[in-house]
Amino acid sequence: MITIGVLALQGGVAEHLSLLQKAATSLSSSPDTTTRADTKAPQFEFIQVRTKDQLAQCDALIIPGGESTTMSIVAQRLGLLDPLREFVKFQNKPVWGTCAGLVMLAEEASAVKKGGQELIGGLDVKVLRNRYGTQIQSFVADLALPFLGEAEGPFRGVFIRAPVVEDIIQPARQIGGGDAETTTGTAPVEVLGVYRKPSGAEQEDDDIVAVRQRNVFGTSFHPELTEDIRIHAWWLKQVVDAARHGDLIVNA
């Protein structure tokens, strides 16, 4: 049994839980997860997370979209920020952040509100909040996401006051006790998806909208606001694979 939590402080909690259930049903019947005679189909439990005790039950976590500043303030008041950092950065549990969740999982953020905001971190990226403007400037765009496989066609990405990754940070680590800082073998940030803006757009450079680093996955857009289960199913499979390969110690 693998317990997946959805951080339930604000945002699309019910929508994520619904797609997780559908994705789990799909995954349980997938040949990819049941080919070995000695391997049982994965079993999942999905819970809402509002407390440290609930977080401690989780083997993996989704941080949904919403308003990242509000989410940060609520998490701080509930004493959840440090446990979340422990979960992500030291326990190395699988975590996926969508939209505001991506902001929370970044090491740096720009265009934050006055006074700044606390972040969980885990992704060595700098994100730009509200890249595409206000709520009324929300849009849907077809995204080519190679990690889902080419045969299934584009994914309809829902962008609502969405952030983008504006910079990939190359963290320096001091080694050998000297004064010089040298980058060590830190796992690189993988770019898994970009938004290719239409020709003639004011800024035509592609925007990075999906990234992964070690155990942390982030998307600028809202897969939970569609009926397409592919990203949820893909992520659950990453969690299952981590458990089977010993990279994830599942709670008893």
Protein backbone atom coordinates (compact mmCIF):
# COMPACT_ATOMS: atom_id res chain seq x y z
CA MET A 1 0.00 0.00 0.00
CA ILE A 2 1.38 3.37 -1.07
CA THR A 3 -0.14 6.44 0.57
CA ILE A 4 -0.33 9.54 -1.60
CA GLY A 5 -1.19 12.86 0.02
CA VAL A 6 -2.58 16.03 -1.50
CA LEU A 7 -1.69 19.16 0.48
CA ALA A 8 -5.15 20.48 1.36
CA LEU A 9 -4.49 24.08 2.40
CA GLN A 10 -6.01 25.66 -0.71
CA GLY A 11 -6.56 25.03 -4.39
CA GLY A 12 -7.48 22.06 -6.56
CA VAL A 13 -7.44 19.34 -3.92
CA ALA A 14 -10.64 17.50 -4.91
CA GLU A 15 -9.70 17.62 -8.58
CA HIS A 16 -6.32 16.01 -7.93
CA LEU A 17 -7.86 13.32 -5.74
CA SER A 18 -10.41 12.51 -8.44
CA LEU A 19 -7.79 12.12 -11.18
CA LEU A 20 -5.52 10.13 -8.87
CA GLN A 21 -8.30 7.62 -8.29
CA LYS A 22 -8.92 7.30 -12.03
CA ALA A 23 -5.20 7.03 -12.76
CA ALA A 24 -4.75 4.36 -10.09
CA THR A 25 -7.54 2.29 -11.63
CA SER A 26 -5.87 2.59 -15.02
CA LEU A 27 -2.47 1.73 -13.61
CA SER A 28 -3.72 -1.36 -11.78
CA SER A 29 -4.75 -2.93 -15.08
CA SER A 30 -1.72 -1.79 -17.07
CA PRO A 31 0.52 -4.56 -18.45
CA ASP A 32 3.54 -2.44 -17.47
CA THR A 33 2.78 -2.89 -13.77
CA THR A 34 1.58 -6.50 -13.75
CA THR A 35 3.91 -8.37 -16.11
CA ARG A 36 5.85 -10.26 -13.45
CA ALA A 37 4.10 -13.17 -11.80
CA ASP A 38 5.65 -12.30 -8.44
CA THR A 39 4.66 -8.62 -8.64
CA LYS A 40 1.28 -7.52 -7.37
CA ALA A 41 -0.55 -4.58 -8.90
CA PRO A 42 0.13 -1.45 -6.85
CA GLN A 43 -2.38 -0.48 -4.19
CA PHE A 44 -2.90 3.17 -3.29
CA GLU A 45 -4.51 5.20 -0.55
CA PHE A 46 -5.16 8.89 -1.20
CA ILE A 47 -5.51 11.34 1.67
CA GLN A 48 -5.80 15.07 2.28
CA VAL A 49 -2.90 16.57 4.22
CA ARG A 50 -3.40 19.45 6.64
CA THR A 51 -1.25 18.38 9.61
CA LYS A 52 2.25 17.08 10.34
CA ASP A 53 0.80 13.73 11.39
CA GLN A 54 -1.04 13.35 8.10
CA LEU A 55 2.11 14.28 6.18
CA ALA A 56 4.04 11.65 8.12
CA GLN A 57 1.65 8.99 6.77
CA CYS A 58 2.51 9.85 3.17
CA ASP A 59 4.90 8.11 0.83
CA ALA A 60 4.45 10.80 -1.83
CA LEU A 61 2.74 14.19 -2.05
CA ILE A 62 1.04 16.54 -4.50
CA ILE A 63 1.07 20.29 -3.84
CA PRO A 64 -1.85 21.66 -5.89
CA GLY A 65 -2.47 24.95 -7.63
CA GLY A 66 -3.95 27.88 -5.78
CA GLU A 67 -2.30 31.04 -4.50
CA SER A 68 1.27 30.36 -3.45
CA THR A 69 1.57 33.27 -1.01
CA THR A 70 -1.59 32.22 0.83
CA MET A 71 -0.48 28.60 0.79
CA SER A 72 2.87 29.56 2.29
CA ILE A 73 1.29 31.65 5.05
CA VAL A 74 -1.17 28.90 5.99
CA ALA A 75 1.56 26.24 5.98
CA GLN A 76 3.70 28.41 8.24
CA ARG A 77 0.85 28.99 10.69
CA LEU A 78 0.16 25.26 10.84
CA GLY A 79 3.82 24.44 11.47
CA LEU A 80 4.06 22.57 8.15
CA LEU A 81 6.85 24.37 6.32
CA ASP A 82 9.76 22.64 8.03
CA PRO A 83 8.11 19.19 7.88
CA LEU A 84 7.45 19.76 4.16
CA ARG A 85 11.10 20.71 3.61
CA GLU A 86 12.17 17.60 5.49
CA PHE A 87 9.80 15.47 3.37
CA VAL A 88 11.09 16.91 0.09
CA LYS A 89 14.79 17.58 0.68
CA PHE A 90 15.93 15.06 3.27
CA GLN A 91 13.51 12.15 3.08
CA ASN A 92 13.53 12.55 -0.72
CA LYS A 93 9.93 11.45 -1.07
CA PRO A 94 8.30 11.90 -4.51
CA VAL A 95 6.58 15.28 -4.74
CA TRP A 96 4.67 16.93 -7.57
CA GLY A 97 3.70 20.61 -7.58
CA THR A 98 1.21 22.13 -10.02
CA CYS A 99 1.15 25.89 -10.68
CA ALA A 100 1.37 27.38 -7.16
CA GLY A 101 2.86 24.05 -6.09
CA LEU A 102 5.68 24.58 -8.60
CA VAL A 103 6.33 28.00 -7.04
CA MET A 104 6.45 26.44 -3.57
CA LEU A 105 8.96 23.80 -4.71
CA ALA A 106 11.32 26.28 -6.38
CA GLU A 107 14.46 27.44 -4.62
CA GLU A 108 13.83 31.01 -5.81
CA ALA A 109 10.84 33.01 -7.05
CA SER A 110 10.53 36.43 -8.64
CA ALA A 111 7.57 38.81 -8.83
CA VAL A 112 6.61 37.83 -5.29
CA LYS A 113 4.41 40.04 -3.17
CA LYS A 114 5.92 42.72 -0.94
CA GLY A 115 7.83 41.12 1.91
CA GLY A 116 8.54 37.98 -0.11
CA GLN A 117 7.32 34.51 0.75
CA GLU A 118 8.60 31.31 2.27
CA LEU A 119 9.31 28.47 -0.15
CA ILE A 120 9.77 24.76 0.42
CA GLY A 121 12.43 24.34 -2.26
CA GLY A 122 13.73 21.15 -3.78
CA LEU A 123 13.95 22.25 -7.43
CA ASP A 124 17.08 24.20 -8.34
CA VAL A 125 15.12 26.67 -10.43
CA LYS A 126 13.94 30.26 -10.27
CA VAL A 127 10.30 30.73 -11.21
CA LEU A 128 8.48 33.80 -12.39
CA ARG A 129 5.04 34.05 -10.80
CA ASN A 130 1.99 35.01 -12.88
CA ARG A 131 3.93 34.84 -16.14
CA TYR A 132 0.82 35.25 -18.30
CA GLY A 133 -1.06 37.89 -16.36
CA THR A 134 -4.33 37.93 -14.46
CA GLN A 135 -7.13 35.38 -14.07
CA ILE A 136 -9.00 36.71 -17.10
CA GLN A 137 -5.90 36.08 -19.24
CA SER A 138 -6.04 32.34 -18.52
CA PHE A 139 -5.77 30.07 -21.56
CA VAL A 140 -5.52 26.48 -22.75
CA ALA A 141 -2.75 25.32 -25.08
CA ASP A 142 -1.66 22.05 -26.65
CA LEU A 143 1.63 20.87 -25.17
CA ALA A 144 4.00 18.29 -26.60
CA LEU A 145 5.18 16.29 -23.58
CA PRO A 146 7.59 13.59 -24.80
CA PHE A 147 7.72 11.86 -21.41
CA LEU A 148 4.10 10.79 -21.95
CA GLY A 149 4.91 9.14 -25.29
CA GLU A 150 4.33 10.52 -28.75
CA ALA A 151 1.48 8.21 -29.75
CA GLU A 152 -1.11 9.74 -27.44
CA GLY A 153 -1.01 13.24 -28.92
CA PRO A 154 -0.65 16.63 -27.23
CA PHE A 155 -1.74 17.39 -23.68
CA ARG A 156 -4.21 20.25 -23.18
CA GLY A 157 -2.46 22.47 -20.65
CA VAL A 158 -4.64 24.78 -18.55
CA PHE A 159 -2.74 27.94 -17.58
CA ILE A 160 -4.26 30.12 -14.83
CA ARG A 161 -2.02 32.91 -13.52
CA ALA A 162 0.68 30.39 -14.21
CA PRO A 163 4.38 30.58 -13.29
CA VAL A 164 7.20 29.54 -15.60
CA VAL A 165 10.75 28.45 -14.94
CA GLU A 166 12.84 31.47 -15.90
CA ASP A 167 16.22 30.15 -14.81
CA ILE A 168 17.85 26.85 -13.89
CA ILE A 169 20.20 27.37 -10.96
CA GLN A 170 23.56 25.67 -10.93
CA PRO A 171 24.10 25.18 -7.20
CA ALA A 172 27.66 25.44 -5.94
CA ARG A 173 28.90 23.16 -3.19
CA GLN A 174 32.11 23.77 -1.26
CA ILE A 175 34.30 20.67 -1.29
CA GLY A 176 37.71 19.85 0.09
CA GLY A 177 37.66 22.55 2.76
CA GLY A 178 39.16 25.18 0.45
CA ASP A 179 37.98 28.63 -0.42
CA ALA A 180 36.92 27.76 -3.95
CA GLU A 181 33.42 26.54 -4.58
CA THR A 182 32.98 23.77 -7.09
CA THR A 183 29.76 22.32 -8.44
CA THR A 184 29.47 18.70 -7.36
CA GLY A 185 27.46 15.88 -8.92
CA THR A 186 24.09 17.34 -8.00
CA ALA A 187 21.30 15.77 -10.07
CA PRO A 188 20.50 18.07 -12.98
CA VAL A 189 17.16 19.73 -13.59
CA GLU A 190 15.43 17.99 -16.49
CA VAL A 191 13.20 20.07 -18.75
CA LEU A 192 10.21 17.83 -19.51
CA GLY A 193 7.92 20.28 -21.26
CA VAL A 194 7.84 23.71 -22.88
CA TYR A 195 5.10 26.00 -24.12
CA ARG A 196 5.86 27.04 -27.67
CA LYS A 197 4.23 30.41 -28.12
CA PRO A 198 2.42 31.14 -31.38
CA SER A 199 4.27 32.97 -34.12
CA GLY A 200 3.90 36.70 -33.74
CA ALA A 201 3.66 36.64 -29.97
CA GLU A 202 5.27 39.57 -28.18
CA GLN A 203 7.91 37.24 -26.77
CA GLU A 204 8.39 34.13 -28.87
CA ASP A 205 10.96 32.29 -26.73
CA ASP A 206 9.69 28.96 -25.44
CA ASP A 207 8.62 28.88 -21.79
CA ILE A 208 9.70 25.99 -19.55
CA VAL A 209 6.51 24.61 -18.02
CA ALA A 210 7.47 21.13 -16.73
CA VAL A 211 10.64 20.10 -14.90
CA ARG A 212 11.97 17.27 -12.78
CA GLN A 213 14.96 17.00 -10.46
CA ARG A 214 15.60 13.89 -8.39
CA ASN A 215 12.34 13.18 -6.54
CA VAL A 216 10.64 16.50 -7.37
CA PHE A 217 8.37 17.16 -10.37
CA GLY A 218 6.73 20.46 -11.22
CA THR A 219 4.26 21.74 -13.83
CA SER A 220 3.20 25.31 -14.53
CA PHE A 221 -0.22 24.22 -15.72
CA HIS A 222 -3.16 22.39 -14.14
CA PRO A 223 -3.55 18.75 -15.31
CA GLU A 224 -6.14 18.26 -12.56
CA LEU A 225 -8.53 20.66 -14.34
CA THR A 226 -8.83 18.32 -17.32
CA GLU A 227 -10.20 14.81 -17.76
CA ASP A 228 -6.83 13.60 -19.05
CA ILE A 229 -5.27 11.20 -16.54
CA ARG A 230 -1.98 10.67 -18.39
CA ILE A 231 0.27 12.84 -16.22
CA HIS A 232 -1.26 11.52 -12.99
CA ALA A 233 -0.81 7.94 -14.20
CA TRP A 234 2.77 8.66 -15.29
CA TRP A 235 3.60 10.20 -11.90
CA LEU A 236 2.04 7.33 -9.95
CA LYS A 237 4.17 4.96 -12.00
CA GLN A 238 7.28 6.94 -11.01
CA VAL A 239 6.27 6.51 -7.37
CA VAL A 240 5.71 2.77 -7.84
CA ASP A 241 9.03 2.35 -9.66
CA ALA A 242 10.85 4.21 -6.86
CA ALA A 243 9.30 1.87 -4.30
CA ARG A 244 10.19 -1.26 -6.27
CA HIS A 245 13.76 -0.18 -6.88
CA GLY A 246 14.33 0.66 -3.24
CA ASP A 247 14.54 4.42 -3.77
CA LEU A 248 11.36 4.88 -1.75
CA ILE A 249 10.85 3.27 1.64
CA VAL A 250 7.09 2.86 1.92
CA ASN A 251 5.57 3.53 5.32
CA ALA A 252 4.50 0.40 7.17
